[in-house]
N, C-alpha and C. Protein backbone atom coordinates (compact mmCIF):
# COMPACT_ATOMS: atom_id res chain seq x y z
N UNK A 1 35.22 31.54 -35.67
CA UNK A 1 35.89 30.53 -34.89
C UNK A 1 35.32 30.54 -33.46
N UNK A 2 35.06 29.34 -32.93
CA UNK A 2 34.47 29.21 -31.60
C UNK A 2 35.59 29.20 -30.57
N UNK A 3 35.43 30.02 -29.58
CA UNK A 3 36.46 30.10 -28.55
C UNK A 3 36.33 28.95 -27.55
N UNK A 4 37.33 28.75 -26.77
CA UNK A 4 37.31 27.70 -25.75
C UNK A 4 36.24 27.99 -24.71
N UNK A 5 36.01 29.25 -24.41
CA UNK A 5 34.98 29.63 -23.43
C UNK A 5 33.60 29.24 -23.94
N UNK A 6 33.32 29.48 -25.22
CA UNK A 6 32.02 29.12 -25.79
C UNK A 6 31.84 27.60 -25.79
N UNK A 7 32.89 26.86 -26.13
CA UNK A 7 32.81 25.39 -26.08
C UNK A 7 32.55 24.90 -24.66
N UNK A 8 33.23 25.48 -23.70
CA UNK A 8 33.05 25.10 -22.30
C UNK A 8 31.63 25.41 -21.85
N UNK A 9 31.10 26.60 -22.23
CA UNK A 9 29.73 26.97 -21.86
C UNK A 9 28.72 26.00 -22.46
N UNK A 10 28.91 25.61 -23.71
CA UNK A 10 28.00 24.65 -24.36
C UNK A 10 28.07 23.31 -23.65
N UNK A 11 29.25 22.89 -23.27
CA UNK A 11 29.43 21.61 -22.59
C UNK A 11 28.74 21.62 -21.23
N UNK A 12 28.89 22.71 -20.49
CA UNK A 12 28.24 22.84 -19.18
C UNK A 12 26.73 22.84 -19.35
N UNK A 13 26.23 23.58 -20.33
CA UNK A 13 24.79 23.64 -20.58
C UNK A 13 24.24 22.25 -20.93
N UNK A 14 24.95 21.52 -21.79
CA UNK A 14 24.52 20.18 -22.20
C UNK A 14 24.49 19.23 -21.01
N UNK A 15 25.52 19.25 -20.17
CA UNK A 15 25.54 18.34 -19.02
C UNK A 15 24.48 18.72 -18.00
N UNK A 16 24.21 20.00 -17.81
CA UNK A 16 23.14 20.42 -16.90
C UNK A 16 21.79 19.97 -17.43
N UNK A 17 21.59 20.08 -18.73
CA UNK A 17 20.32 19.66 -19.34
C UNK A 17 20.10 18.16 -19.16
N UNK A 18 21.17 17.37 -19.39
CA UNK A 18 21.05 15.92 -19.19
C UNK A 18 20.75 15.61 -17.72
N UNK A 19 21.43 16.28 -16.81
CA UNK A 19 21.21 16.04 -15.39
C UNK A 19 19.79 16.41 -14.99
N UNK A 20 19.30 17.57 -15.47
CA UNK A 20 17.96 18.01 -15.14
C UNK A 20 16.93 17.03 -15.70
N UNK A 21 17.15 16.57 -16.93
CA UNK A 21 16.24 15.59 -17.52
C UNK A 21 16.20 14.30 -16.71
N UNK A 22 17.36 13.82 -16.30
CA UNK A 22 17.43 12.62 -15.48
C UNK A 22 16.74 12.84 -14.14
N UNK A 23 16.97 14.00 -13.52
CA UNK A 23 16.37 14.30 -12.23
C UNK A 23 14.85 14.32 -12.32
N UNK A 24 14.32 14.96 -13.34
CA UNK A 24 12.86 15.01 -13.52
C UNK A 24 12.31 13.60 -13.71
N UNK A 25 12.99 12.78 -14.54
CA UNK A 25 12.57 11.41 -14.76
C UNK A 25 12.60 10.61 -13.46
N UNK A 26 13.68 10.73 -12.68
CA UNK A 26 13.81 9.99 -11.43
C UNK A 26 12.73 10.39 -10.43
N UNK A 27 12.46 11.69 -10.31
CA UNK A 27 11.42 12.15 -9.37
C UNK A 27 10.06 11.62 -9.80
N UNK A 28 9.77 11.65 -11.09
CA UNK A 28 8.48 11.15 -11.58
C UNK A 28 8.34 9.66 -11.28
N UNK A 29 9.37 8.89 -11.53
CA UNK A 29 9.33 7.45 -11.25
C UNK A 29 9.19 7.21 -9.75
N UNK A 30 9.87 7.98 -8.94
CA UNK A 30 9.78 7.83 -7.48
C UNK A 30 8.37 8.10 -6.99
N UNK A 31 7.75 9.14 -7.50
CA UNK A 31 6.39 9.47 -7.07
C UNK A 31 5.41 8.38 -7.47
N UNK A 32 5.54 7.87 -8.68
CA UNK A 32 4.65 6.80 -9.13
C UNK A 32 4.88 5.56 -8.28
N UNK A 33 6.13 5.21 -8.03
CA UNK A 33 6.43 4.01 -7.25
C UNK A 33 5.89 4.12 -5.83
N UNK A 34 5.97 5.30 -5.22
CA UNK A 34 5.50 5.45 -3.85
C UNK A 34 3.99 5.44 -3.78
N UNK A 35 3.32 5.85 -4.84
CA UNK A 35 1.86 5.90 -4.81
C UNK A 35 1.24 4.55 -5.11
N UNK A 36 2.05 3.59 -5.56
CA UNK A 36 1.54 2.30 -5.96
C UNK A 36 1.82 1.25 -4.90
N UNK A 37 0.88 0.33 -4.68
CA UNK A 37 1.13 -0.73 -3.71
C UNK A 37 1.94 -1.85 -4.33
N UNK A 38 3.14 -1.55 -4.74
CA UNK A 38 4.00 -2.57 -5.32
C UNK A 38 5.32 -2.57 -4.59
N UNK A 39 5.94 -3.70 -4.47
CA UNK A 39 7.22 -3.76 -3.79
C UNK A 39 8.33 -3.17 -4.64
N UNK A 40 9.46 -2.89 -3.99
CA UNK A 40 10.61 -2.33 -4.70
C UNK A 40 11.14 -3.32 -5.73
N UNK A 41 11.09 -4.60 -5.42
CA UNK A 41 11.47 -5.62 -6.37
C UNK A 41 10.32 -6.61 -6.46
N UNK A 42 10.44 -7.57 -7.36
CA UNK A 42 9.37 -8.54 -7.50
C UNK A 42 9.23 -9.33 -6.20
N UNK A 43 8.02 -9.40 -5.63
CA UNK A 43 7.85 -10.16 -4.41
C UNK A 43 7.92 -11.66 -4.71
N UNK A 44 8.29 -12.40 -3.73
CA UNK A 44 8.35 -13.84 -3.89
C UNK A 44 6.93 -14.40 -3.86
N UNK A 45 6.57 -15.07 -4.92
CA UNK A 45 5.28 -15.75 -4.96
C UNK A 45 5.51 -17.16 -4.46
N UNK A 46 4.84 -17.53 -3.41
CA UNK A 46 4.93 -18.89 -2.91
C UNK A 46 3.68 -19.63 -3.39
N UNK A 47 3.90 -20.77 -4.01
CA UNK A 47 2.77 -21.55 -4.51
C UNK A 47 3.19 -23.01 -4.63
N UNK A 48 2.18 -23.91 -4.60
CA UNK A 48 2.52 -25.31 -4.78
C UNK A 48 2.86 -25.54 -6.25
N UNK A 49 3.90 -26.29 -6.49
CA UNK A 49 4.40 -26.50 -7.84
C UNK A 49 3.38 -27.24 -8.70
N UNK A 50 3.44 -26.97 -9.99
CA UNK A 50 2.52 -27.61 -10.91
C UNK A 50 1.30 -26.75 -11.12
N UNK A 51 0.70 -26.87 -12.24
CA UNK A 51 -0.53 -26.15 -12.50
C UNK A 51 -0.32 -24.82 -13.18
N UNK A 52 0.38 -23.90 -12.53
CA UNK A 52 0.65 -22.57 -13.07
C UNK A 52 2.09 -22.17 -12.77
N UNK A 53 2.65 -21.34 -13.61
CA UNK A 53 3.99 -20.80 -13.34
C UNK A 53 3.86 -19.53 -12.53
N UNK A 54 4.95 -19.12 -11.89
CA UNK A 54 4.93 -17.87 -11.13
C UNK A 54 4.66 -16.69 -12.06
N UNK A 55 5.14 -16.76 -13.31
CA UNK A 55 4.90 -15.67 -14.27
C UNK A 55 3.41 -15.55 -14.60
N UNK A 56 2.73 -16.68 -14.77
CA UNK A 56 1.29 -16.64 -15.05
C UNK A 56 0.53 -16.02 -13.89
N UNK A 57 0.92 -16.38 -12.68
CA UNK A 57 0.26 -15.83 -11.49
C UNK A 57 0.56 -14.34 -11.38
N UNK A 58 1.83 -13.97 -11.52
CA UNK A 58 2.23 -12.57 -11.41
C UNK A 58 1.53 -11.70 -12.48
N UNK A 59 1.39 -12.21 -13.70
CA UNK A 59 0.73 -11.45 -14.76
C UNK A 59 -0.69 -11.06 -14.37
N UNK A 60 -1.43 -11.99 -13.79
CA UNK A 60 -2.81 -11.69 -13.37
C UNK A 60 -2.80 -10.69 -12.22
N UNK A 61 -1.89 -10.85 -11.27
CA UNK A 61 -1.82 -9.93 -10.14
C UNK A 61 -1.49 -8.52 -10.62
N UNK A 62 -0.49 -8.40 -11.49
CA UNK A 62 -0.10 -7.08 -12.00
C UNK A 62 -1.25 -6.45 -12.80
N UNK A 63 -1.94 -7.26 -13.60
CA UNK A 63 -3.05 -6.76 -14.40
C UNK A 63 -4.17 -6.18 -13.51
N UNK A 64 -4.35 -6.76 -12.33
CA UNK A 64 -5.43 -6.34 -11.43
C UNK A 64 -4.96 -5.48 -10.27
N UNK A 65 -3.71 -5.09 -10.28
CA UNK A 65 -3.15 -4.33 -9.16
C UNK A 65 -3.85 -3.00 -8.94
N UNK A 66 -4.42 -2.43 -9.99
CA UNK A 66 -5.14 -1.15 -9.82
C UNK A 66 -6.32 -1.29 -8.86
N UNK A 67 -6.90 -2.47 -8.76
CA UNK A 67 -8.00 -2.68 -7.80
C UNK A 67 -7.49 -2.60 -6.36
N UNK A 68 -6.34 -3.18 -6.11
CA UNK A 68 -5.73 -3.12 -4.77
C UNK A 68 -5.31 -1.69 -4.47
N UNK A 69 -4.76 -1.02 -5.46
CA UNK A 69 -4.35 0.39 -5.32
C UNK A 69 -5.56 1.26 -4.95
N UNK A 70 -6.70 1.00 -5.59
CA UNK A 70 -7.91 1.78 -5.30
C UNK A 70 -8.36 1.55 -3.85
N UNK A 71 -8.26 0.32 -3.38
CA UNK A 71 -8.61 0.04 -1.98
C UNK A 71 -7.74 0.85 -1.03
N UNK A 72 -6.44 0.87 -1.32
CA UNK A 72 -5.50 1.60 -0.46
C UNK A 72 -5.73 3.10 -0.53
N UNK A 73 -5.91 3.63 -1.73
CA UNK A 73 -6.07 5.08 -1.89
C UNK A 73 -7.37 5.59 -1.26
N UNK A 74 -8.38 4.74 -1.18
CA UNK A 74 -9.63 5.12 -0.52
C UNK A 74 -9.40 5.42 0.95
N UNK A 75 -8.49 4.68 1.57
CA UNK A 75 -8.21 4.81 3.00
C UNK A 75 -6.91 5.55 3.28
N UNK A 76 -6.34 6.22 2.29
CA UNK A 76 -5.01 6.80 2.40
C UNK A 76 -4.88 7.83 3.52
N UNK A 77 -5.82 8.74 3.65
CA UNK A 77 -5.68 9.84 4.60
C UNK A 77 -5.54 9.39 6.06
N UNK A 78 -6.38 8.48 6.55
CA UNK A 78 -6.24 8.12 7.97
C UNK A 78 -5.06 7.21 8.28
N UNK A 79 -4.41 6.67 7.26
CA UNK A 79 -3.31 5.73 7.52
C UNK A 79 -2.03 6.46 7.87
N UNK A 80 -1.20 5.87 8.71
CA UNK A 80 0.08 6.49 9.06
C UNK A 80 1.03 6.47 7.87
N UNK A 81 2.06 7.29 7.93
CA UNK A 81 3.01 7.41 6.83
C UNK A 81 3.94 6.19 6.73
N UNK A 82 4.06 5.41 7.76
CA UNK A 82 4.95 4.25 7.73
C UNK A 82 4.46 3.24 6.69
N UNK A 83 5.36 2.52 6.06
CA UNK A 83 4.95 1.51 5.07
C UNK A 83 4.03 0.47 5.69
N UNK A 84 3.09 0.00 4.91
CA UNK A 84 2.10 -0.98 5.35
C UNK A 84 2.25 -2.23 4.50
N UNK A 85 1.77 -3.36 4.98
CA UNK A 85 1.83 -4.58 4.20
C UNK A 85 0.58 -5.42 4.41
N UNK A 86 0.32 -6.24 3.43
CA UNK A 86 -0.81 -7.16 3.47
C UNK A 86 -0.34 -8.44 2.79
N UNK A 87 -0.43 -9.55 3.49
CA UNK A 87 -0.01 -10.84 2.93
C UNK A 87 -1.23 -11.76 2.89
N UNK A 88 -1.53 -12.26 1.69
CA UNK A 88 -2.71 -13.10 1.52
C UNK A 88 -2.32 -14.46 0.97
N UNK A 89 -3.14 -15.44 1.29
CA UNK A 89 -3.03 -16.77 0.68
C UNK A 89 -4.36 -17.06 0.01
N UNK A 90 -4.30 -17.42 -1.25
CA UNK A 90 -5.53 -17.78 -1.94
C UNK A 90 -5.34 -19.05 -2.75
N UNK A 91 -6.46 -19.69 -3.05
CA UNK A 91 -6.44 -20.95 -3.77
C UNK A 91 -7.15 -20.76 -5.10
N UNK A 92 -6.44 -21.14 -6.17
CA UNK A 92 -7.00 -21.03 -7.52
C UNK A 92 -7.57 -22.39 -7.88
N UNK A 93 -8.85 -22.42 -8.25
CA UNK A 93 -9.54 -23.67 -8.59
C UNK A 93 -9.25 -24.14 -10.01
N UNK A 94 -9.84 -25.27 -10.37
CA UNK A 94 -9.54 -25.90 -11.65
C UNK A 94 -9.99 -25.11 -12.86
N UNK A 95 -10.89 -24.14 -12.69
CA UNK A 95 -11.31 -23.29 -13.80
C UNK A 95 -10.61 -21.92 -13.79
N UNK A 96 -9.69 -21.71 -12.85
CA UNK A 96 -8.96 -20.44 -12.77
C UNK A 96 -9.58 -19.43 -11.82
N UNK A 97 -10.66 -19.79 -11.18
CA UNK A 97 -11.32 -18.88 -10.24
C UNK A 97 -10.65 -18.97 -8.87
N UNK A 98 -10.75 -17.90 -8.10
CA UNK A 98 -10.22 -17.91 -6.73
C UNK A 98 -11.27 -18.57 -5.85
N UNK A 99 -10.93 -19.74 -5.32
CA UNK A 99 -11.87 -20.53 -4.52
C UNK A 99 -11.95 -20.06 -3.08
N UNK A 100 -10.79 -19.72 -2.52
CA UNK A 100 -10.77 -19.27 -1.13
C UNK A 100 -9.61 -18.30 -0.96
N UNK A 101 -9.74 -17.47 0.07
CA UNK A 101 -8.68 -16.49 0.34
C UNK A 101 -8.62 -16.24 1.84
N UNK A 102 -7.41 -16.02 2.33
CA UNK A 102 -7.20 -15.76 3.75
C UNK A 102 -6.12 -14.71 3.90
N UNK A 103 -6.33 -13.76 4.80
CA UNK A 103 -5.31 -12.77 5.13
C UNK A 103 -4.39 -13.42 6.17
N UNK A 104 -3.10 -13.55 5.81
CA UNK A 104 -2.13 -14.16 6.72
C UNK A 104 -1.51 -13.15 7.67
N UNK A 105 -1.14 -11.98 7.13
CA UNK A 105 -0.55 -10.91 7.93
C UNK A 105 -0.99 -9.58 7.35
N UNK A 106 -1.10 -8.60 8.21
CA UNK A 106 -1.40 -7.25 7.74
C UNK A 106 -0.96 -6.25 8.79
N UNK A 107 -0.68 -5.05 8.32
CA UNK A 107 -0.44 -3.97 9.27
C UNK A 107 -1.74 -3.72 10.00
N UNK A 108 -1.66 -3.38 11.25
CA UNK A 108 -2.87 -3.24 12.06
C UNK A 108 -3.82 -2.18 11.53
N UNK A 109 -3.29 -1.18 10.82
CA UNK A 109 -4.11 -0.08 10.33
C UNK A 109 -4.84 -0.41 9.02
N UNK A 110 -4.59 -1.57 8.44
CA UNK A 110 -5.14 -1.88 7.12
C UNK A 110 -6.41 -2.70 7.15
N UNK A 111 -7.20 -2.60 8.19
CA UNK A 111 -8.42 -3.41 8.30
C UNK A 111 -9.34 -3.30 7.11
N UNK A 112 -9.81 -2.11 6.79
CA UNK A 112 -10.75 -1.95 5.68
C UNK A 112 -10.07 -2.12 4.33
N UNK A 113 -8.79 -1.80 4.23
CA UNK A 113 -8.03 -2.01 2.99
C UNK A 113 -7.93 -3.52 2.74
N UNK A 114 -7.67 -4.29 3.78
CA UNK A 114 -7.58 -5.75 3.64
C UNK A 114 -8.92 -6.33 3.18
N UNK A 115 -10.02 -5.86 3.77
CA UNK A 115 -11.35 -6.36 3.38
C UNK A 115 -11.65 -6.05 1.92
N UNK A 116 -11.36 -4.83 1.51
CA UNK A 116 -11.57 -4.40 0.13
C UNK A 116 -10.69 -5.22 -0.82
N UNK A 117 -9.44 -5.42 -0.45
CA UNK A 117 -8.50 -6.18 -1.29
C UNK A 117 -8.97 -7.63 -1.45
N UNK A 118 -9.40 -8.23 -0.37
CA UNK A 118 -9.89 -9.62 -0.42
C UNK A 118 -11.10 -9.72 -1.35
N UNK A 119 -12.02 -8.77 -1.24
CA UNK A 119 -13.20 -8.83 -2.11
C UNK A 119 -12.84 -8.60 -3.58
N UNK A 120 -11.75 -7.90 -3.85
CA UNK A 120 -11.28 -7.74 -5.23
C UNK A 120 -10.61 -9.00 -5.74
N UNK A 121 -9.73 -9.57 -4.94
CA UNK A 121 -8.97 -10.75 -5.36
C UNK A 121 -9.89 -11.93 -5.67
N UNK A 122 -10.97 -12.06 -4.92
CA UNK A 122 -11.93 -13.16 -5.15
C UNK A 122 -12.49 -13.12 -6.57
N UNK A 123 -12.56 -11.95 -7.18
CA UNK A 123 -13.12 -11.80 -8.54
C UNK A 123 -12.09 -12.00 -9.65
N UNK A 124 -10.81 -12.15 -9.32
CA UNK A 124 -9.77 -12.30 -10.34
C UNK A 124 -9.90 -13.64 -11.04
N UNK A 125 -9.51 -13.67 -12.30
CA UNK A 125 -9.56 -14.89 -13.11
C UNK A 125 -8.15 -15.25 -13.55
N UNK A 126 -7.69 -16.42 -13.15
CA UNK A 126 -6.37 -16.93 -13.50
C UNK A 126 -6.52 -17.98 -14.59
N UNK A 127 -5.42 -18.32 -15.27
CA UNK A 127 -5.49 -19.45 -16.20
C UNK A 127 -5.82 -20.73 -15.42
N UNK A 128 -6.46 -21.66 -16.06
CA UNK A 128 -6.79 -22.93 -15.40
C UNK A 128 -5.50 -23.71 -15.13
N UNK A 129 -5.34 -24.23 -13.93
CA UNK A 129 -4.16 -25.05 -13.63
C UNK A 129 -4.11 -26.28 -14.54
N UNK A 130 -2.90 -26.67 -14.93
CA UNK A 130 -2.74 -27.78 -15.87
C UNK A 130 -2.58 -29.14 -15.19
N UNK A 131 -1.72 -29.23 -14.21
CA UNK A 131 -1.36 -30.53 -13.64
C UNK A 131 -2.02 -30.85 -12.32
N UNK A 132 -2.86 -29.99 -11.84
CA UNK A 132 -3.44 -30.19 -10.52
C UNK A 132 -4.82 -29.54 -10.48
N UNK A 133 -5.60 -29.92 -9.50
CA UNK A 133 -6.93 -29.36 -9.33
C UNK A 133 -6.90 -27.91 -8.84
N UNK A 134 -5.98 -27.64 -7.90
CA UNK A 134 -5.89 -26.30 -7.32
C UNK A 134 -4.44 -25.86 -7.18
N UNK A 135 -4.26 -24.56 -7.13
CA UNK A 135 -2.96 -23.97 -6.87
C UNK A 135 -3.12 -23.03 -5.68
N UNK A 136 -2.31 -23.21 -4.66
CA UNK A 136 -2.35 -22.34 -3.48
C UNK A 136 -1.24 -21.32 -3.60
N UNK A 137 -1.58 -20.03 -3.48
CA UNK A 137 -0.63 -18.94 -3.68
C UNK A 137 -0.56 -18.09 -2.42
N UNK A 138 0.64 -17.70 -2.02
CA UNK A 138 0.84 -16.73 -0.94
C UNK A 138 1.53 -15.53 -1.58
N UNK A 139 0.96 -14.35 -1.37
CA UNK A 139 1.48 -13.15 -2.04
C UNK A 139 1.43 -11.94 -1.11
N UNK A 140 2.53 -11.18 -1.03
CA UNK A 140 2.55 -9.96 -0.20
C UNK A 140 2.31 -8.70 -1.03
N UNK A 141 1.57 -7.77 -0.50
CA UNK A 141 1.39 -6.44 -1.08
C UNK A 141 2.00 -5.44 -0.12
N UNK A 142 2.73 -4.48 -0.66
CA UNK A 142 3.38 -3.45 0.16
C UNK A 142 2.80 -2.09 -0.23
N UNK A 143 2.52 -1.26 0.78
CA UNK A 143 1.93 0.05 0.55
C UNK A 143 2.77 1.11 1.23
N UNK A 144 2.84 2.30 0.63
CA UNK A 144 3.46 3.43 1.30
C UNK A 144 2.88 4.73 0.74
N UNK A 145 2.79 5.71 1.60
CA UNK A 145 2.34 7.04 1.16
C UNK A 145 3.50 7.72 0.46
N UNK A 146 3.16 8.59 -0.50
CA UNK A 146 4.23 9.33 -1.18
C UNK A 146 4.61 10.55 -0.38
């Protein structure tokens, strides 16, 4: 027969195990999130209506985000610990290519990261716009050290 003390000990052990598992999972997710140049929530994609949906644009950005991450990680050591941002506007042409790109805002310390990011974004391939010749997109990237 199992005593009340043994039941209580098993219950405490089980709840500690669940808590520890959750804590390890949360820390791992936090570290990954801080090392990635992604916002805490989905950033607002500003674009002229027609041609492409925000989901189509976001899918291409997310697929190529590792290129932006590589630009940031290359310059990680000299950058301050404060969060950094880079806001770009680019135009997607009728074949899905990035026709032009402009940096609208950036943290002052992100000079070379911005240049690297721009040269990466120019090579991205989007779906061809349907209802218009071009789609103009404004998109923010957020960076932080872990």
